[in-house]
Amino acid sequence: MAHYPPYISKWNPVEHRVFPHITRSLKGVILKSHDYVKELIENTRTLTGQEIKAHINKKSYKKGRKYSGNFKETRRIIFDDYLGKWNYRTIPGKT
């Protein structure tokens, strides 16, 4: 499991370069469907000719999913050397 610290987006390097261009492409447009938004985003180009690819995630996630009460007691947690507070692995069966 790898988490990013609070207020940090894993997409920051991408966002800062292309987000203004995407915003400009969507300016004043009525967004009718997800596919239409995807098409508009993919038709966006930066001044240097950078193309943008978009993907619609159609996976649905269950709400209110609970973990078992003894989850922490039955797992071995190994913290990463880099950002150990945020990155870790869980392995079934404590040793």
C-alpha atoms as a PDB file:
ATOM      1  CA  MET A   1       0.000   0.000   0.000  1.00  0.00           C
ATOM      2  CA  ALA A   2       1.473   3.329  -0.996  1.00  0.00           C
ATOM      3  CA  HIS A   3      -0.119   6.540   0.160  1.00  0.00           C
ATOM      4  CA  TYR A   4       0.853  10.084  -0.569  1.00  0.00           C
ATOM      5  CA  PRO A   5       1.112  12.499   2.354  1.00  0.00           C
ATOM      6  CA  PRO A   6      -1.881  14.806   2.880  1.00  0.00           C
ATOM      7  CA  TYR A   7      -2.345  17.634   0.381  1.00  0.00           C
ATOM      8  CA  ILE A   8      -0.078  15.989  -2.208  1.00  0.00           C
ATOM      9  CA  SER A   9      -1.519  14.654  -5.439  1.00  0.00           C
ATOM     10  CA  LYS A  10       0.158  11.851  -7.344  1.00  0.00           C
ATOM     11  CA  TRP A  11      -0.986  13.649 -10.504  1.00  0.00           C
ATOM     12  CA  ASN A  12       0.660  16.988  -9.687  1.00  0.00           C
ATOM     13  CA  PRO A  13       3.369  16.804 -12.404  1.00  0.00           C
ATOM     14  CA  VAL A  14       0.703  16.144 -15.033  1.00  0.00           C
ATOM     15  CA  GLU A  15      -1.889  18.531 -13.656  1.00  0.00           C
ATOM     16  CA  HIS A  16       0.360  21.552 -13.670  1.00  0.00           C
ATOM     17  CA  ARG A  17       1.328  21.104 -17.301  1.00  0.00           C
ATOM     18  CA  VAL A  18      -1.973  20.192 -18.926  1.00  0.00           C
ATOM     19  CA  PHE A  19      -4.768  21.260 -16.595  1.00  0.00           C
ATOM     20  CA  PRO A  20      -4.905  24.867 -17.870  1.00  0.00           C
ATOM     21  CA  HIS A  21      -5.162  23.581 -21.441  1.00  0.00           C
ATOM     22  CA  ILE A  22      -7.946  21.143 -20.534  1.00  0.00           C
ATOM     23  CA  THR A  23      -9.787  23.930 -18.702  1.00  0.00           C
ATOM     24  CA  ARG A  24      -9.505  26.127 -21.784  1.00  0.00           C
ATOM     25  CA  SER A  25     -10.910  23.321 -23.970  1.00  0.00           C
ATOM     26  CA  LEU A  26     -13.926  22.865 -21.700  1.00  0.00           C
ATOM     27  CA  LYS A  27     -14.650  26.583 -21.310  1.00  0.00           C
ATOM     28  CA  GLY A  28     -18.289  27.389 -22.063  1.00  0.00           C
ATOM     29  CA  VAL A  29     -19.135  23.840 -23.148  1.00  0.00           C
ATOM     30  CA  ILE A  30     -22.183  21.987 -21.840  1.00  0.00           C
ATOM     31  CA  LEU A  31     -20.888  18.635 -20.615  1.00  0.00           C
ATOM     32  CA  LYS A  32     -23.523  16.171 -21.846  1.00  0.00           C
ATOM     33  CA  SER A  33     -21.899  12.826 -21.046  1.00  0.00           C
ATOM     34  CA  HIS A  34     -18.723  11.217 -19.770  1.00  0.00           C
ATOM     35  CA  ASP A  35     -17.785  10.127 -23.282  1.00  0.00           C
ATOM     36  CA  TYR A  36     -18.204  13.693 -24.562  1.00  0.00           C
ATOM     37  CA  VAL A  37     -15.941  15.045 -21.794  1.00  0.00           C
ATOM     38  CA  LYS A  38     -13.377  12.345 -22.601  1.00  0.00           C
ATOM     39  CA  GLU A  39     -13.474  13.320 -26.280  1.00  0.00           C
ATOM     40  CA  LEU A  40     -12.999  17.012 -25.457  1.00  0.00           C
ATOM     41  CA  ILE A  41     -10.070  16.252 -23.158  1.00  0.00           C
ATOM     42  CA  GLU A  42      -8.405  14.013 -25.754  1.00  0.00           C
ATOM     43  CA  ASN A  43      -8.767  16.743 -28.401  1.00  0.00           C
ATOM     44  CA  THR A  44      -6.843  19.168 -26.198  1.00  0.00           C
ATOM     45  CA  ARG A  45      -3.334  20.118 -27.323  1.00  0.00           C
ATOM     46  CA  THR A  46      -0.734  22.239 -25.592  1.00  0.00           C
ATOM     47  CA  LEU A  47       1.193  24.955 -27.411  1.00  0.00           C
ATOM     48  CA  THR A  48       4.141  22.556 -27.753  1.00  0.00           C
ATOM     49  CA  GLY A  49       1.913  19.879 -29.299  1.00  0.00           C
ATOM     50  CA  GLN A  50       1.603  17.631 -26.263  1.00  0.00           C
ATOM     51  CA  GLU A  51      -1.327  15.235 -26.661  1.00  0.00           C
ATOM     52  CA  ILE A  52      -3.546  14.192 -23.782  1.00  0.00           C
ATOM     53  CA  LYS A  53      -4.952  10.710 -23.276  1.00  0.00           C
ATOM     54  CA  ALA A  54      -8.027  10.115 -21.122  1.00  0.00           C
ATOM     55  CA  HIS A  55      -9.578   6.978 -19.680  1.00  0.00           C
ATOM     56  CA  ILE A  56     -12.974   6.511 -18.056  1.00  0.00           C
ATOM     57  CA  ASN A  57     -12.864   4.189 -15.068  1.00  0.00           C
ATOM     58  CA  LYS A  58     -16.187   2.330 -15.140  1.00  0.00           C
ATOM     59  CA  LYS A  59     -15.411   0.209 -12.101  1.00  0.00           C
ATOM     60  CA  SER A  60     -17.872   0.679  -9.266  1.00  0.00           C
ATOM     61  CA  TYR A  61     -16.713   0.541  -5.691  1.00  0.00           C
ATOM     62  CA  LYS A  62     -18.797  -0.747  -2.827  1.00  0.00           C
ATOM     63  CA  LYS A  63     -19.645   1.820  -0.169  1.00  0.00           C
ATOM     64  CA  GLY A  64     -19.359   1.113   3.514  1.00  0.00           C
ATOM     65  CA  ARG A  65     -17.023  -1.837   3.103  1.00  0.00           C
ATOM     66  CA  LYS A  66     -15.662  -2.933   6.485  1.00  0.00           C
ATOM     67  CA  TYR A  67     -12.530  -4.823   7.363  1.00  0.00           C
ATOM     68  CA  SER A  68     -12.546  -7.599   9.925  1.00  0.00           C
ATOM     69  CA  GLY A  69     -12.189  -6.575  13.542  1.00  0.00           C
ATOM     70  CA  ASN A  70      -8.926  -8.465  13.999  1.00  0.00           C
ATOM     71  CA  PHE A  71      -7.332  -7.280  10.749  1.00  0.00           C
ATOM     72  CA  LYS A  72      -4.338  -5.656  12.441  1.00  0.00           C
ATOM     73  CA  GLU A  73      -3.758  -8.602  14.737  1.00  0.00           C
ATOM     74  CA  THR A  74      -3.711 -11.179  11.904  1.00  0.00           C
ATOM     75  CA  ARG A  75      -1.411  -9.285   9.530  1.00  0.00           C
ATOM     76  CA  ARG A  76       2.276  -8.580   9.515  1.00  0.00           C
ATOM     77  CA  ILE A  77       2.931  -4.966   8.528  1.00  0.00           C
ATOM     78  CA  ILE A  78       6.255  -4.069   6.934  1.00  0.00           C
ATOM     79  CA  PHE A  79       6.957  -0.363   6.675  1.00  0.00           C
ATOM     80  CA  ASP A  80       8.915   0.938   3.706  1.00  0.00           C
ATOM     81  CA  ASP A  81      12.327   2.569   4.174  1.00  0.00           C
ATOM     82  CA  TYR A  82      11.159   5.527   2.102  1.00  0.00           C
ATOM     83  CA  LEU A  83       8.187   7.371   3.639  1.00  0.00           C
ATOM     84  CA  GLY A  84       7.568   4.539   6.091  1.00  0.00           C
ATOM     85  CA  LYS A  85       4.732   6.473   7.683  1.00  0.00           C
ATOM     86  CA  TRP A  86       2.802   6.286   4.393  1.00  0.00           C
ATOM     87  CA  ASN A  87       4.106   3.227   2.522  1.00  0.00           C
ATOM     88  CA  TYR A  88       3.751  -0.314   3.853  1.00  0.00           C
ATOM     89  CA  ARG A  89       2.965  -3.898   2.926  1.00  0.00           C
ATOM     90  CA  THR A  90       0.643  -6.252   4.761  1.00  0.00           C
ATOM     91  CA  ILE A  91       1.247  -9.960   4.732  1.00  0.00           C
ATOM     92  CA  PRO A  92      -1.317 -12.504   5.996  1.00  0.00           C
ATOM     93  CA  GLY A  93      -0.289 -14.362   9.150  1.00  0.00           C
ATOM     94  CA  LYS A  94       1.730 -12.764  11.911  1.00  0.00           C
ATOM     95  CA  THR A  95       5.138 -14.222  12.707  1.00  0.00           C
END
